[in-house]
Amino acid sequence: MQLNGEQKEADGRTITQIIEEMGLKKVMVAVELNENILPKDQYDTYVPKENDVVEIVQFMGGGSL
């Protein structure tokens, strides 16, 4: 699979496991799977396949300049 622009092994981990291994929290990320947003209720069950393209982005808080 391609994860955030890098080729990785599709080794049976769920999206939740990948997020946790990245040191992120599920509530603070959005996951795009093959150019579609993956619903949060699928993070625990979806296992990326070899040809999947996954982008995981973290929400950042901000303030005014």
N, C-alpha and C. Protein backbone atom coordinates (compact mmCIF):
# COMPACT_ATOMS: atom_id res chain seq x y z
N MET A 1 0.85 -1.18 0.00
CA MET A 1 0.00 0.00 0.00
C MET A 1 0.89 1.23 0.00
N GLN A 2 0.30 2.32 -0.37
CA GLN A 2 1.00 3.59 -0.28
C GLN A 2 0.41 4.33 0.91
N LEU A 3 1.26 4.71 1.86
CA LEU A 3 0.82 5.39 3.07
C LEU A 3 1.52 6.73 3.14
N ASN A 4 0.74 7.80 3.06
CA ASN A 4 1.28 9.16 3.10
C ASN A 4 2.45 9.33 2.15
N GLY A 5 2.28 8.81 0.94
CA GLY A 5 3.27 8.99 -0.10
C GLY A 5 4.42 8.00 -0.12
N GLU A 6 4.47 7.08 0.84
CA GLU A 6 5.54 6.09 0.90
C GLU A 6 4.98 4.69 0.73
N GLN A 7 5.71 3.86 0.01
CA GLN A 7 5.28 2.46 -0.19
C GLN A 7 5.53 1.68 1.10
N LYS A 8 4.51 0.99 1.58
CA LYS A 8 4.59 0.18 2.81
C LYS A 8 3.98 -1.20 2.53
N GLU A 9 4.36 -2.16 3.35
CA GLU A 9 3.76 -3.49 3.27
C GLU A 9 2.32 -3.45 3.78
N ALA A 10 1.42 -4.09 3.05
CA ALA A 10 0.05 -4.28 3.52
C ALA A 10 0.07 -5.56 4.34
N ASP A 11 0.33 -5.42 5.62
CA ASP A 11 0.63 -6.59 6.46
C ASP A 11 -0.47 -7.00 7.42
N GLY A 12 -1.71 -6.65 7.11
CA GLY A 12 -2.82 -7.12 7.93
C GLY A 12 -3.21 -6.22 9.08
N ARG A 13 -2.56 -5.06 9.21
CA ARG A 13 -2.93 -4.13 10.28
C ARG A 13 -4.15 -3.32 9.87
N THR A 14 -4.99 -3.02 10.85
CA THR A 14 -6.16 -2.17 10.58
C THR A 14 -5.71 -0.71 10.55
N ILE A 15 -6.60 0.13 10.07
CA ILE A 15 -6.32 1.57 10.06
C ILE A 15 -6.06 2.05 11.49
N THR A 16 -6.83 1.59 12.46
CA THR A 16 -6.61 1.99 13.86
C THR A 16 -5.20 1.62 14.30
N GLN A 17 -4.75 0.42 13.99
CA GLN A 17 -3.40 0.01 14.39
C GLN A 17 -2.33 0.88 13.74
N ILE A 18 -2.53 1.22 12.48
CA ILE A 18 -1.57 2.08 11.78
C ILE A 18 -1.53 3.46 12.43
N ILE A 19 -2.70 4.01 12.73
CA ILE A 19 -2.78 5.33 13.38
C ILE A 19 -2.03 5.31 14.71
N GLU A 20 -2.28 4.27 15.52
CA GLU A 20 -1.62 4.16 16.82
C GLU A 20 -0.11 4.02 16.68
N GLU A 21 0.34 3.24 15.70
CA GLU A 21 1.78 3.08 15.48
C GLU A 21 2.44 4.39 15.05
N MET A 22 1.66 5.27 14.45
CA MET A 22 2.17 6.58 14.05
C MET A 22 2.20 7.55 15.23
N GLY A 23 1.68 7.10 16.38
CA GLY A 23 1.65 7.96 17.56
C GLY A 23 0.53 8.99 17.54
N LEU A 24 -0.51 8.70 16.76
CA LEU A 24 -1.63 9.63 16.63
C LEU A 24 -2.86 9.09 17.35
N LYS A 25 -3.86 9.97 17.54
CA LYS A 25 -5.12 9.57 18.16
C LYS A 25 -6.21 9.59 17.10
N LYS A 26 -7.07 8.57 17.14
CA LYS A 26 -8.13 8.44 16.13
C LYS A 26 -9.01 9.67 16.04
N VAL A 27 -9.28 10.29 17.15
CA VAL A 27 -10.19 11.44 17.14
C VAL A 27 -9.56 12.67 16.51
N MET A 28 -8.25 12.66 16.32
CA MET A 28 -7.54 13.83 15.80
C MET A 28 -7.05 13.65 14.36
N VAL A 29 -7.55 12.63 13.66
CA VAL A 29 -7.10 12.39 12.29
C VAL A 29 -8.27 12.22 11.34
N ALA A 30 -7.96 12.38 10.06
CA ALA A 30 -8.87 12.01 8.98
C ALA A 30 -8.10 11.05 8.09
N VAL A 31 -8.80 10.07 7.55
CA VAL A 31 -8.16 9.06 6.69
C VAL A 31 -8.82 9.10 5.32
N GLU A 32 -7.97 9.25 4.31
CA GLU A 32 -8.42 9.18 2.93
C GLU A 32 -7.96 7.84 2.37
N LEU A 33 -8.88 7.11 1.79
CA LEU A 33 -8.59 5.80 1.22
C LEU A 33 -8.96 5.85 -0.25
N ASN A 34 -7.95 5.74 -1.12
CA ASN A 34 -8.20 5.76 -2.56
C ASN A 34 -9.05 6.97 -2.98
N GLU A 35 -8.67 8.13 -2.45
CA GLU A 35 -9.29 9.42 -2.77
C GLU A 35 -10.69 9.60 -2.22
N ASN A 36 -11.09 8.77 -1.25
CA ASN A 36 -12.37 8.91 -0.56
C ASN A 36 -12.12 8.93 0.94
N ILE A 37 -12.90 9.74 1.66
CA ILE A 37 -12.77 9.76 3.12
C ILE A 37 -13.32 8.47 3.70
N LEU A 38 -12.52 7.83 4.55
CA LEU A 38 -12.94 6.59 5.22
C LEU A 38 -13.69 6.98 6.50
N PRO A 39 -14.92 6.51 6.68
CA PRO A 39 -15.66 6.82 7.90
C PRO A 39 -14.94 6.28 9.14
N LYS A 40 -14.97 7.06 10.22
CA LYS A 40 -14.26 6.67 11.44
C LYS A 40 -14.73 5.32 11.97
N ASP A 41 -16.00 4.96 11.73
CA ASP A 41 -16.49 3.68 12.25
C ASP A 41 -15.90 2.48 11.50
N GLN A 42 -15.10 2.73 10.46
CA GLN A 42 -14.45 1.64 9.74
C GLN A 42 -12.96 1.51 10.09
N TYR A 43 -12.43 2.42 10.89
CA TYR A 43 -11.01 2.40 11.24
C TYR A 43 -10.60 1.08 11.93
N ASP A 44 -11.49 0.55 12.79
CA ASP A 44 -11.16 -0.66 13.56
C ASP A 44 -11.23 -1.93 12.72
N THR A 45 -11.90 -1.87 11.59
CA THR A 45 -12.12 -3.10 10.82
C THR A 45 -11.46 -3.10 9.45
N TYR A 46 -11.16 -1.93 8.89
CA TYR A 46 -10.61 -1.91 7.54
C TYR A 46 -9.13 -2.22 7.55
N VAL A 47 -8.75 -3.20 6.75
CA VAL A 47 -7.35 -3.61 6.59
C VAL A 47 -6.94 -3.22 5.16
N PRO A 48 -6.01 -2.27 5.03
CA PRO A 48 -5.60 -1.85 3.69
C PRO A 48 -5.06 -3.01 2.85
N LYS A 49 -5.38 -2.95 1.57
CA LYS A 49 -4.93 -3.95 0.61
C LYS A 49 -3.67 -3.46 -0.10
N GLU A 50 -3.01 -4.34 -0.81
CA GLU A 50 -1.73 -4.05 -1.45
C GLU A 50 -1.74 -2.80 -2.33
N ASN A 51 -2.81 -2.60 -3.09
CA ASN A 51 -2.85 -1.48 -4.03
C ASN A 51 -3.56 -0.24 -3.49
N ASP A 52 -3.93 -0.23 -2.21
CA ASP A 52 -4.61 0.93 -1.63
C ASP A 52 -3.65 2.11 -1.49
N VAL A 53 -4.23 3.31 -1.62
CA VAL A 53 -3.51 4.55 -1.34
C VAL A 53 -4.18 5.17 -0.13
N VAL A 54 -3.42 5.28 0.97
CA VAL A 54 -3.95 5.77 2.24
C VAL A 54 -3.22 7.06 2.62
N GLU A 55 -3.99 8.08 2.95
CA GLU A 55 -3.43 9.32 3.47
C GLU A 55 -4.05 9.55 4.84
N ILE A 56 -3.20 9.74 5.84
CA ILE A 56 -3.66 10.01 7.19
C ILE A 56 -3.16 11.40 7.56
N VAL A 57 -4.11 12.29 7.87
CA VAL A 57 -3.74 13.65 8.24
C VAL A 57 -4.24 13.94 9.64
N GLN A 58 -3.43 14.70 10.37
CA GLN A 58 -3.75 15.04 11.76
C GLN A 58 -4.28 16.46 11.81
N PHE A 59 -5.35 16.65 12.58
CA PHE A 59 -5.90 17.99 12.78
C PHE A 59 -4.97 18.76 13.70
N MET A 60 -4.76 20.02 13.37
CA MET A 60 -3.89 20.88 14.16
C MET A 60 -4.73 22.06 14.67
N GLY A 61 -4.55 22.39 15.93
CA GLY A 61 -5.19 23.58 16.47
C GLY A 61 -4.41 24.80 16.04
N GLY A 62 -5.07 25.89 15.98
CA GLY A 62 -4.38 27.10 15.57
C GLY A 62 -4.97 28.31 16.26
N GLY A 63 -4.30 29.38 16.08
CA GLY A 63 -4.78 30.64 16.66
C GLY A 63 -4.67 31.74 15.63
N SER A 64 -4.96 32.91 16.06
CA SER A 64 -4.86 34.03 15.14
C SER A 64 -3.43 34.55 15.12
N LEU A 65 -3.10 35.18 14.02
CA LEU A 65 -1.77 35.75 13.84
C LEU A 65 -1.71 37.17 14.29
